[in-house]
């Protein structure tokens, strides 16, 4: 599992850890890349210290390391308070790390909640900016990880096309629709 906001300031939600207890099961295989609020960073360091070999933290951003960790992660956590765009969750999808994100901004636009009935969706979302809603989304992701659906969720994410070709085609359709409406009011 990976935790990957690049900062622990008030913008991102590592602050969830201020109000939540992390069990050894939840930190198994966790890695955090963090900088910012010293109190939050200290809490993360305590968690990593309590689970050597299972949890790690790095107090600096390293793009190469971030991509390596994402490529090896099963689940990618990005519970941002706000995220105007967000590329990191798109990288995670491409690498096959299933995202758990707060449904805000670009995260809501790019991560579709997985539906076990239709087998559609690319990750897990939560709405409220609070620890219990975040934890519930993580629990849904872990349950899916244990199920036969997991490879489907990974594949759904890896097949997403965020290229400019796809975006440009959508923009062209909107433009053509607007022009048609203008000619035929």
N, C-alpha and C. Protein backbone atom coordinates (compact mmCIF):
# COMPACT_ATOMS: atom_id res chain seq x y z
N UNK A 1 0.85 -1.16 0.00
CA UNK A 1 0.00 0.00 0.00
C UNK A 1 0.90 1.23 0.00
N UNK A 2 0.46 2.29 -0.61
CA UNK A 2 1.28 3.49 -0.67
C UNK A 2 0.48 4.70 -0.23
N UNK A 3 1.13 5.58 0.44
CA UNK A 3 0.57 6.88 0.80
C UNK A 3 1.37 7.90 0.03
N UNK A 4 0.75 8.77 -0.76
CA UNK A 4 1.60 9.59 -1.62
C UNK A 4 1.22 11.05 -1.79
N UNK A 5 0.60 11.73 -0.84
CA UNK A 5 0.64 13.18 -1.00
C UNK A 5 2.08 13.62 -0.80
N UNK A 6 2.52 14.59 -1.54
CA UNK A 6 3.91 15.01 -1.40
C UNK A 6 4.11 15.94 -0.23
N UNK A 7 3.03 16.38 0.41
CA UNK A 7 3.21 17.26 1.55
C UNK A 7 2.30 16.85 2.68
N UNK A 8 2.72 17.23 3.89
CA UNK A 8 1.89 16.98 5.07
C UNK A 8 1.40 18.30 5.61
N UNK A 9 1.14 19.24 4.73
CA UNK A 9 0.62 20.52 5.18
C UNK A 9 -0.90 20.43 5.24
N UNK A 10 -1.56 21.55 5.46
CA UNK A 10 -3.01 21.53 5.61
C UNK A 10 -3.72 21.21 4.31
N UNK A 11 -3.03 21.24 3.17
CA UNK A 11 -3.66 20.94 1.88
C UNK A 11 -4.02 19.46 1.78
N UNK A 12 -3.12 18.60 2.22
CA UNK A 12 -3.34 17.17 2.07
C UNK A 12 -3.68 16.54 3.39
N UNK A 13 -4.11 15.31 3.32
CA UNK A 13 -4.78 14.72 4.47
C UNK A 13 -4.01 13.67 5.22
N UNK A 14 -2.71 13.80 5.29
CA UNK A 14 -2.00 12.94 6.21
C UNK A 14 -2.49 13.26 7.61
N UNK A 15 -3.13 14.43 7.77
CA UNK A 15 -3.70 14.80 9.07
C UNK A 15 -4.72 13.80 9.56
N UNK A 16 -5.23 12.93 8.68
CA UNK A 16 -6.10 11.85 9.14
C UNK A 16 -5.41 11.04 10.22
N UNK A 17 -4.10 10.91 10.12
CA UNK A 17 -3.38 10.10 11.08
C UNK A 17 -3.36 10.72 12.46
N UNK A 18 -3.65 11.99 12.57
CA UNK A 18 -3.74 12.60 13.89
C UNK A 18 -4.88 11.97 14.70
N UNK A 19 -5.95 11.55 14.00
CA UNK A 19 -7.11 11.06 14.72
C UNK A 19 -7.35 9.57 14.53
N UNK A 20 -6.42 8.86 13.93
CA UNK A 20 -6.65 7.44 13.71
C UNK A 20 -5.48 6.62 14.21
N UNK A 21 -5.77 5.42 14.65
CA UNK A 21 -4.75 4.48 15.09
C UNK A 21 -4.48 3.54 13.94
N UNK A 22 -3.24 3.29 13.67
CA UNK A 22 -2.84 2.43 12.57
C UNK A 22 -2.43 1.08 13.14
N UNK A 23 -3.10 0.03 12.72
CA UNK A 23 -2.73 -1.31 13.19
C UNK A 23 -1.60 -1.85 12.32
N UNK A 24 -0.94 -2.89 12.80
CA UNK A 24 0.16 -3.46 12.02
C UNK A 24 -0.35 -4.03 10.71
N UNK A 25 -1.60 -4.52 10.66
CA UNK A 25 -2.15 -5.05 9.41
C UNK A 25 -2.30 -3.92 8.39
N UNK A 26 -2.76 -2.75 8.85
CA UNK A 26 -2.96 -1.63 7.93
C UNK A 26 -1.66 -1.05 7.43
N UNK A 27 -0.58 -1.17 8.20
CA UNK A 27 0.69 -0.60 7.77
C UNK A 27 1.56 -1.60 7.04
N UNK A 28 1.11 -2.82 6.91
CA UNK A 28 1.90 -3.83 6.22
C UNK A 28 2.17 -3.41 4.79
N UNK A 29 3.43 -3.20 4.46
CA UNK A 29 3.79 -2.81 3.11
C UNK A 29 3.48 -1.37 2.78
N UNK A 30 3.47 -0.48 3.76
CA UNK A 30 3.15 0.93 3.52
C UNK A 30 4.41 1.75 3.30
N UNK A 31 4.28 2.79 2.49
CA UNK A 31 5.37 3.72 2.26
C UNK A 31 4.78 5.11 2.13
N UNK A 32 5.36 6.07 2.81
CA UNK A 32 4.88 7.45 2.72
C UNK A 32 5.99 8.34 2.21
N UNK A 33 5.66 9.23 1.33
CA UNK A 33 6.58 10.26 0.88
C UNK A 33 5.99 11.55 1.41
N UNK A 34 6.69 12.21 2.32
CA UNK A 34 6.06 13.33 3.00
C UNK A 34 7.03 14.46 3.30
N UNK A 35 6.48 15.66 3.37
CA UNK A 35 7.19 16.82 3.87
C UNK A 35 6.12 17.82 4.30
N UNK A 36 6.45 18.68 5.23
CA UNK A 36 5.47 19.68 5.65
C UNK A 36 5.31 19.72 7.15
N UNK A 37 4.08 19.57 7.63
CA UNK A 37 3.72 19.69 9.03
C UNK A 37 4.57 18.74 9.89
N UNK A 38 5.40 19.29 10.78
CA UNK A 38 6.29 18.44 11.58
C UNK A 38 5.54 17.47 12.50
N UNK A 39 4.39 17.86 13.04
CA UNK A 39 3.64 16.96 13.92
C UNK A 39 3.13 15.74 13.16
N UNK A 40 2.66 15.95 11.95
CA UNK A 40 2.16 14.84 11.14
C UNK A 40 3.33 13.96 10.71
N UNK A 41 4.41 14.59 10.28
CA UNK A 41 5.59 13.83 9.88
C UNK A 41 6.11 13.00 11.05
N UNK A 42 6.08 13.56 12.26
CA UNK A 42 6.52 12.83 13.44
C UNK A 42 5.63 11.62 13.69
N UNK A 43 4.32 11.76 13.53
CA UNK A 43 3.39 10.64 13.70
C UNK A 43 3.68 9.54 12.68
N UNK A 44 3.93 9.92 11.44
CA UNK A 44 4.25 8.94 10.42
C UNK A 44 5.56 8.23 10.73
N UNK A 45 6.52 8.98 11.26
CA UNK A 45 7.81 8.38 11.63
C UNK A 45 7.61 7.37 12.76
N UNK A 46 6.73 7.67 13.71
CA UNK A 46 6.41 6.74 14.79
C UNK A 46 5.82 5.45 14.22
N UNK A 47 4.88 5.59 13.29
CA UNK A 47 4.24 4.43 12.67
C UNK A 47 5.28 3.58 11.95
N UNK A 48 6.13 4.23 11.15
CA UNK A 48 7.16 3.50 10.42
C UNK A 48 8.13 2.82 11.38
N UNK A 49 8.51 3.51 12.48
CA UNK A 49 9.41 2.93 13.46
C UNK A 49 8.82 1.74 14.19
N UNK A 50 7.50 1.76 14.38
CA UNK A 50 6.82 0.67 15.08
C UNK A 50 6.66 -0.58 14.20
N UNK A 51 6.86 -0.41 12.89
CA UNK A 51 6.66 -1.52 11.96
C UNK A 51 7.84 -1.63 10.99
N UNK A 52 9.05 -1.89 11.52
CA UNK A 52 10.21 -1.96 10.62
C UNK A 52 10.04 -3.08 9.60
N UNK A 53 10.42 -2.78 8.39
CA UNK A 53 10.30 -3.76 7.31
C UNK A 53 8.91 -3.82 6.70
N UNK A 54 7.95 -3.15 7.33
CA UNK A 54 6.58 -3.13 6.81
C UNK A 54 6.14 -1.73 6.41
N UNK A 55 6.73 -0.72 7.00
CA UNK A 55 6.34 0.66 6.71
C UNK A 55 7.59 1.51 6.58
N UNK A 56 7.55 2.48 5.68
CA UNK A 56 8.69 3.36 5.50
C UNK A 56 8.23 4.78 5.23
N UNK A 57 9.10 5.71 5.50
CA UNK A 57 8.79 7.12 5.23
C UNK A 57 10.04 7.80 4.70
N UNK A 58 9.82 8.73 3.83
CA UNK A 58 10.91 9.53 3.27
C UNK A 58 10.46 10.98 3.33
N UNK A 59 11.28 11.85 3.92
CA UNK A 59 10.92 13.25 4.11
C UNK A 59 11.43 14.13 2.99
N UNK A 60 11.26 13.71 1.79
CA UNK A 60 11.64 14.50 0.62
C UNK A 60 10.93 13.91 -0.58
N UNK A 61 10.72 14.72 -1.57
CA UNK A 61 10.10 14.20 -2.78
C UNK A 61 11.20 13.78 -3.75
N UNK A 62 11.07 12.58 -4.27
CA UNK A 62 12.01 12.04 -5.25
C UNK A 62 11.16 11.41 -6.34
N UNK A 63 11.09 12.06 -7.49
CA UNK A 63 10.21 11.63 -8.57
C UNK A 63 10.51 10.20 -9.03
N UNK A 64 11.77 9.86 -9.17
CA UNK A 64 12.14 8.50 -9.60
C UNK A 64 11.68 7.48 -8.58
N UNK A 65 11.94 7.74 -7.30
CA UNK A 65 11.50 6.82 -6.25
C UNK A 65 9.98 6.73 -6.20
N UNK A 66 9.30 7.86 -6.37
CA UNK A 66 7.83 7.85 -6.34
C UNK A 66 7.28 6.92 -7.43
N UNK A 67 7.85 6.99 -8.61
CA UNK A 67 7.39 6.11 -9.71
C UNK A 67 7.71 4.65 -9.42
N UNK A 68 8.86 4.39 -8.82
CA UNK A 68 9.21 3.01 -8.48
C UNK A 68 8.27 2.43 -7.43
N UNK A 69 7.97 3.24 -6.43
CA UNK A 69 7.07 2.78 -5.37
C UNK A 69 5.67 2.55 -5.95
N UNK A 70 5.21 3.49 -6.78
CA UNK A 70 3.90 3.31 -7.41
C UNK A 70 3.85 2.05 -8.26
N UNK A 71 4.92 1.80 -8.99
CA UNK A 71 4.95 0.62 -9.86
C UNK A 71 4.90 -0.67 -9.06
N UNK A 72 5.34 -0.63 -7.81
CA UNK A 72 5.32 -1.83 -6.98
C UNK A 72 4.15 -1.90 -6.02
N UNK A 73 3.33 -0.86 -5.99
CA UNK A 73 2.22 -0.81 -5.04
C UNK A 73 0.99 -1.52 -5.58
N UNK A 74 0.20 -2.06 -4.68
CA UNK A 74 -1.10 -2.62 -5.03
C UNK A 74 -2.18 -1.55 -4.93
N UNK A 75 -2.08 -0.74 -3.88
CA UNK A 75 -3.09 0.28 -3.59
C UNK A 75 -2.38 1.62 -3.41
N UNK A 76 -2.94 2.65 -4.01
CA UNK A 76 -2.39 3.99 -3.96
C UNK A 76 -3.37 4.89 -3.20
N UNK A 77 -2.92 5.53 -2.13
CA UNK A 77 -3.78 6.37 -1.31
C UNK A 77 -3.52 7.85 -1.59
N UNK A 78 -4.56 8.57 -1.95
CA UNK A 78 -4.43 10.01 -2.19
C UNK A 78 -5.68 10.73 -1.69
N UNK A 79 -5.74 10.94 -0.37
CA UNK A 79 -6.94 11.55 0.22
C UNK A 79 -6.86 13.08 0.33
N UNK A 80 -6.56 13.74 -0.76
CA UNK A 80 -6.36 15.18 -0.75
C UNK A 80 -7.61 15.94 -0.33
N UNK A 81 -7.39 17.03 0.39
CA UNK A 81 -8.51 17.94 0.72
C UNK A 81 -9.03 18.55 -0.58
N UNK A 82 -8.13 18.95 -1.46
CA UNK A 82 -8.49 19.43 -2.79
C UNK A 82 -7.39 19.03 -3.76
N UNK A 83 -7.73 18.89 -4.99
CA UNK A 83 -6.77 18.49 -6.02
C UNK A 83 -7.27 19.04 -7.35
N UNK A 84 -6.76 20.19 -7.77
CA UNK A 84 -7.27 20.81 -9.00
C UNK A 84 -7.12 19.92 -10.24
N UNK A 85 -6.09 19.14 -10.31
CA UNK A 85 -5.89 18.30 -11.49
C UNK A 85 -5.46 16.92 -11.04
N UNK A 86 -4.24 16.76 -10.73
CA UNK A 86 -3.72 15.49 -10.25
C UNK A 86 -3.25 14.60 -11.37
N UNK A 87 -1.97 14.39 -11.45
CA UNK A 87 -1.40 13.44 -12.39
C UNK A 87 -1.04 12.14 -11.70
N UNK A 88 -0.75 12.23 -10.40
CA UNK A 88 -0.22 11.08 -9.69
C UNK A 88 -1.17 9.89 -9.73
N UNK A 89 -2.48 10.13 -9.58
CA UNK A 89 -3.42 9.01 -9.63
C UNK A 89 -3.46 8.40 -11.03
N UNK A 90 -3.20 9.20 -12.06
CA UNK A 90 -3.16 8.66 -13.42
C UNK A 90 -1.92 7.78 -13.61
N UNK A 91 -0.80 8.19 -13.00
CA UNK A 91 0.38 7.34 -13.04
C UNK A 91 0.09 6.02 -12.32
N UNK A 92 -0.53 6.12 -11.15
CA UNK A 92 -0.84 4.91 -10.38
C UNK A 92 -1.72 3.96 -11.20
N UNK A 93 -2.74 4.49 -11.85
CA UNK A 93 -3.60 3.65 -12.68
C UNK A 93 -2.80 2.94 -13.76
N UNK A 94 -1.92 3.67 -14.42
CA UNK A 94 -1.12 3.09 -15.49
C UNK A 94 -0.20 1.98 -14.96
N UNK A 95 0.34 2.17 -13.75
CA UNK A 95 1.22 1.17 -13.15
C UNK A 95 0.46 -0.01 -12.56
N UNK A 96 -0.85 0.10 -12.43
CA UNK A 96 -1.63 -0.99 -11.85
C UNK A 96 -1.83 -0.88 -10.36
N UNK A 97 -1.55 0.28 -9.79
CA UNK A 97 -1.81 0.53 -8.37
C UNK A 97 -3.22 1.13 -8.28
N UNK A 98 -4.13 0.43 -7.65
CA UNK A 98 -5.52 0.86 -7.59
C UNK A 98 -5.65 2.03 -6.62
N UNK A 99 -6.19 3.18 -7.08
CA UNK A 99 -6.25 4.35 -6.23
C UNK A 99 -7.44 4.35 -5.26
N UNK A 100 -7.17 4.87 -4.07
CA UNK A 100 -8.20 5.23 -3.09
C UNK A 100 -8.06 6.73 -2.95
N UNK A 101 -9.07 7.47 -3.40
CA UNK A 101 -8.96 8.93 -3.45
C UNK A 101 -10.20 9.60 -2.86
N UNK A 102 -10.00 10.81 -2.39
CA UNK A 102 -11.14 11.63 -2.01
C UNK A 102 -11.72 12.19 -3.30
N UNK A 103 -13.04 12.12 -3.45
CA UNK A 103 -13.72 12.55 -4.67
C UNK A 103 -13.74 14.08 -4.71
N UNK A 104 -12.65 14.65 -5.20
CA UNK A 104 -12.53 16.09 -5.32
C UNK A 104 -11.73 16.42 -6.58
N UNK A 105 -12.10 17.47 -7.27
CA UNK A 105 -11.35 17.96 -8.43
C UNK A 105 -11.00 16.89 -9.43
N UNK A 106 -9.72 16.88 -9.83
CA UNK A 106 -9.24 15.94 -10.83
C UNK A 106 -9.29 14.49 -10.37
N UNK A 107 -9.25 14.26 -9.06
CA UNK A 107 -9.35 12.90 -8.56
C UNK A 107 -10.73 12.32 -8.86
N UNK A 108 -11.76 13.13 -8.66
CA UNK A 108 -13.13 12.70 -8.96
C UNK A 108 -13.33 12.50 -10.45
N UNK A 109 -12.62 13.29 -11.26
CA UNK A 109 -12.75 13.19 -12.71
C UNK A 109 -12.07 11.95 -13.29
N UNK A 110 -11.05 11.45 -12.62
CA UNK A 110 -10.23 10.40 -13.23
C UNK A 110 -10.35 9.02 -12.57
N UNK A 111 -10.89 8.95 -11.37
CA UNK A 111 -11.03 7.67 -10.68
C UNK A 111 -12.50 7.34 -10.54
N UNK A 112 -12.91 6.25 -11.14
CA UNK A 112 -14.30 5.80 -11.10
C UNK A 112 -14.44 4.73 -10.02
N UNK A 113 -15.43 4.89 -9.14
CA UNK A 113 -15.67 3.91 -8.07
C UNK A 113 -15.94 2.53 -8.67
N UNK A 114 -15.27 1.53 -8.13
CA UNK A 114 -15.46 0.17 -8.62
C UNK A 114 -16.83 -0.36 -8.18
N UNK A 115 -17.55 -0.95 -9.13
CA UNK A 115 -18.86 -1.55 -8.88
C UNK A 115 -18.75 -3.05 -9.10
N UNK A 116 -18.83 -3.85 -8.04
CA UNK A 116 -18.66 -5.30 -8.19
C UNK A 116 -19.75 -5.96 -9.06
N UNK A 117 -20.94 -5.35 -9.12
CA UNK A 117 -22.00 -5.93 -9.94
C UNK A 117 -21.70 -5.80 -11.44
N UNK A 118 -21.23 -4.64 -11.85
CA UNK A 118 -20.96 -4.41 -13.27
C UNK A 118 -19.50 -4.70 -13.64
N UNK A 119 -18.65 -4.80 -12.60
CA UNK A 119 -17.20 -4.99 -12.78
C UNK A 119 -16.57 -3.79 -13.50
N UNK A 120 -17.21 -2.64 -13.37
CA UNK A 120 -16.67 -1.40 -13.94
C UNK A 120 -16.10 -0.55 -12.81
N UNK A 121 -15.16 0.29 -13.15
CA UNK A 121 -14.56 1.20 -12.18
C UNK A 121 -13.07 0.94 -12.08
N UNK A 122 -12.37 1.95 -11.57
CA UNK A 122 -10.91 1.90 -11.54
C UNK A 122 -10.31 2.05 -10.15
N UNK A 123 -11.14 2.30 -9.14
CA UNK A 123 -10.61 2.51 -7.81
C UNK A 123 -11.71 2.71 -6.80
N UNK A 124 -11.36 3.38 -5.72
CA UNK A 124 -12.30 3.58 -4.62
C UNK A 124 -12.26 5.04 -4.20
N UNK A 125 -13.45 5.61 -4.00
CA UNK A 125 -13.56 7.02 -3.67
C UNK A 125 -14.32 7.20 -2.36
N UNK A 126 -14.07 8.33 -1.74
CA UNK A 126 -14.85 8.72 -0.57
C UNK A 126 -15.08 10.22 -0.65
N UNK A 127 -16.16 10.69 -0.02
CA UNK A 127 -16.57 12.09 -0.18
C UNK A 127 -16.17 13.00 0.97
N UNK A 128 -16.46 12.58 2.19
CA UNK A 128 -16.21 13.44 3.35
C UNK A 128 -14.74 13.49 3.69
N UNK A 129 -14.29 14.64 4.06
CA UNK A 129 -12.90 14.80 4.46
C UNK A 129 -12.76 14.44 5.93
N UNK A 130 -12.88 13.14 6.22
CA UNK A 130 -12.71 12.68 7.59
C UNK A 130 -12.11 11.28 7.60
N UNK A 131 -11.49 10.94 8.72
CA UNK A 131 -10.75 9.68 8.82
C UNK A 131 -11.63 8.46 8.64
N UNK A 132 -12.85 8.48 9.17
CA UNK A 132 -13.68 7.27 9.08
C UNK A 132 -14.12 7.00 7.64
N UNK A 133 -14.44 8.03 6.88
CA UNK A 133 -14.82 7.84 5.48
C UNK A 133 -13.62 7.32 4.67
N UNK A 134 -12.45 7.87 4.95
CA UNK A 134 -11.22 7.43 4.30
C UNK A 134 -10.94 5.97 4.63
N UNK A 135 -11.03 5.63 5.91
CA UNK A 135 -10.77 4.26 6.34
C UNK A 135 -11.76 3.28 5.71
N UNK A 136 -13.02 3.69 5.60
CA UNK A 136 -14.02 2.82 4.96
C UNK A 136 -13.64 2.54 3.49
N UNK A 137 -13.14 3.56 2.79
CA UNK A 137 -12.71 3.36 1.40
C UNK A 137 -11.51 2.42 1.33
N UNK A 138 -10.58 2.55 2.27
CA UNK A 138 -9.43 1.64 2.31
C UNK A 138 -9.91 0.21 2.58
N UNK A 139 -10.85 0.06 3.49
CA UNK A 139 -11.38 -1.28 3.78
C UNK A 139 -12.04 -1.90 2.54
N UNK A 140 -12.78 -1.10 1.77
CA UNK A 140 -13.38 -1.61 0.54
C UNK A 140 -12.30 -2.06 -0.44
N UNK A 141 -11.22 -1.28 -0.52
CA UNK A 141 -10.11 -1.63 -1.42
C UNK A 141 -9.44 -2.93 -0.96
N UNK A 142 -9.23 -3.08 0.33
CA UNK A 142 -8.58 -4.30 0.83
C UNK A 142 -9.48 -5.51 0.60
N UNK A 143 -10.78 -5.36 0.81
CA UNK A 143 -11.71 -6.47 0.53
C UNK A 143 -11.66 -6.86 -0.95
N UNK A 144 -11.61 -5.87 -1.81
CA UNK A 144 -11.51 -6.15 -3.25
C UNK A 144 -10.19 -6.83 -3.58
N UNK A 145 -9.10 -6.39 -2.92
CA UNK A 145 -7.78 -6.98 -3.13
C UNK A 145 -7.79 -8.47 -2.81
N UNK A 146 -8.59 -8.86 -1.83
CA UNK A 146 -8.69 -10.26 -1.42
C UNK A 146 -9.61 -11.07 -2.34
N UNK A 147 -10.35 -10.40 -3.20
CA UNK A 147 -11.36 -11.07 -4.02
C UNK A 147 -10.83 -11.40 -5.42
N UNK A 148 -11.55 -12.26 -6.15
CA UNK A 148 -11.16 -12.57 -7.53
C UNK A 148 -11.36 -11.37 -8.48
N UNK A 149 -12.03 -10.31 -8.01
CA UNK A 149 -12.24 -9.11 -8.84
C UNK A 149 -10.99 -8.27 -9.01
N UNK A 150 -9.99 -8.46 -8.14
CA UNK A 150 -8.84 -7.56 -8.13
C UNK A 150 -8.15 -7.41 -9.49
N UNK A 151 -7.84 -8.49 -10.20
CA UNK A 151 -7.18 -8.31 -11.51
C UNK A 151 -8.02 -7.47 -12.48
N UNK A 152 -9.34 -7.57 -12.38
CA UNK A 152 -10.23 -6.78 -13.24
C UNK A 152 -10.11 -5.29 -12.92
N UNK A 153 -10.08 -4.97 -11.63
CA UNK A 153 -9.96 -3.57 -11.22
C UNK A 153 -8.63 -3.00 -11.73
N UNK A 154 -7.56 -3.76 -11.55
CA UNK A 154 -6.23 -3.33 -12.01
C UNK A 154 -6.26 -3.11 -13.52
N UNK A 155 -6.81 -4.06 -14.25
CA UNK A 155 -6.86 -3.95 -15.71
C UNK A 155 -7.71 -2.75 -16.14
N UNK A 156 -8.85 -2.54 -15.47
CA UNK A 156 -9.69 -1.38 -15.79
C UNK A 156 -8.88 -0.08 -15.72
N UNK A 157 -8.08 0.05 -14.66
CA UNK A 157 -7.28 1.26 -14.49
C UNK A 157 -6.18 1.37 -15.52
N UNK A 158 -5.50 0.25 -15.80
CA UNK A 158 -4.40 0.28 -16.76
C UNK A 158 -4.87 0.56 -18.18
N UNK A 159 -6.12 0.25 -18.46
CA UNK A 159 -6.65 0.48 -19.81
C UNK A 159 -7.20 1.89 -20.01
N UNK A 160 -7.28 2.69 -18.95
CA UNK A 160 -7.77 4.05 -19.10
C UNK A 160 -6.84 4.85 -20.01
N UNK A 161 -7.44 5.66 -20.86
CA UNK A 161 -6.66 6.46 -21.81
C UNK A 161 -6.80 7.93 -21.46
N UNK A 162 -5.75 8.50 -20.90
CA UNK A 162 -5.74 9.92 -20.54
C UNK A 162 -4.91 10.73 -21.54
N UNK A 163 -4.69 10.16 -22.72
CA UNK A 163 -3.84 10.83 -23.71
C UNK A 163 -4.53 12.06 -24.28
N UNK A 164 -3.74 12.94 -24.90
CA UNK A 164 -4.30 14.13 -25.53
C UNK A 164 -5.16 13.75 -26.73
N UNK A 165 -4.88 12.62 -27.37
CA UNK A 165 -5.73 12.20 -28.49
C UNK A 165 -7.17 12.02 -28.04
N UNK A 166 -7.36 11.37 -26.91
CA UNK A 166 -8.70 11.15 -26.37
C UNK A 166 -9.33 12.47 -25.95
N UNK A 167 -8.58 13.29 -25.23
CA UNK A 167 -9.10 14.59 -24.78
C UNK A 167 -9.45 15.48 -25.96
N UNK A 168 -8.59 15.51 -26.95
CA UNK A 168 -8.83 16.35 -28.13
C UNK A 168 -10.09 15.91 -28.86
N UNK A 169 -10.32 14.61 -28.96
CA UNK A 169 -11.53 14.11 -29.62
C UNK A 169 -12.78 14.56 -28.86
N UNK A 170 -12.71 14.55 -27.54
CA UNK A 170 -13.86 15.02 -26.74
C UNK A 170 -14.09 16.51 -26.94
N UNK A 171 -13.02 17.28 -26.93
CA UNK A 171 -13.14 18.73 -27.14
C UNK A 171 -13.74 19.00 -28.52
N UNK A 172 -13.31 18.25 -29.52
CA UNK A 172 -13.82 18.43 -30.87
C UNK A 172 -15.32 18.17 -30.92
N UNK A 173 -15.79 17.13 -30.24
CA UNK A 173 -17.23 16.83 -30.21
C UNK A 173 -18.01 17.95 -29.55
N UNK A 174 -17.48 18.50 -28.46
CA UNK A 174 -18.15 19.62 -27.79
C UNK A 174 -18.21 20.82 -28.72
N UNK A 175 -17.11 21.11 -29.39
CA UNK A 175 -17.05 22.24 -30.32
C UNK A 175 -18.04 22.04 -31.46
N UNK A 176 -18.07 20.84 -32.04
CA UNK A 176 -19.00 20.57 -33.15
C UNK A 176 -20.44 20.69 -32.70
N UNK A 177 -20.74 20.23 -31.50
CA UNK A 177 -22.10 20.35 -30.95
C UNK A 177 -22.48 21.82 -30.77
N UNK A 178 -21.54 22.61 -30.25
CA UNK A 178 -21.81 24.04 -30.06
C UNK A 178 -22.03 24.74 -31.40
N UNK A 179 -21.23 24.40 -32.39
CA UNK A 179 -21.39 25.01 -33.72
C UNK A 179 -22.75 24.62 -34.34
N UNK A 180 -23.14 23.39 -34.17
CA UNK A 180 -24.43 22.92 -34.71
C UNK A 180 -25.58 23.67 -34.04
N UNK A 181 -25.48 23.86 -32.73
CA UNK A 181 -26.52 24.59 -31.99
C UNK A 181 -26.56 26.05 -32.44
N UNK A 182 -25.42 26.62 -32.73
CA UNK A 182 -25.35 28.02 -33.13
C UNK A 182 -26.00 28.20 -34.51
N UNK A 183 -25.78 27.24 -35.40
CA UNK A 183 -26.38 27.32 -36.74
C UNK A 183 -27.87 27.04 -36.73
N UNK A 184 -28.29 26.15 -35.86
CA UNK A 184 -29.70 25.73 -35.78
C UNK A 184 -30.23 25.96 -34.37
N UNK A 185 -30.51 27.21 -34.01
CA UNK A 185 -30.95 27.49 -32.63
C UNK A 185 -32.26 26.88 -32.23
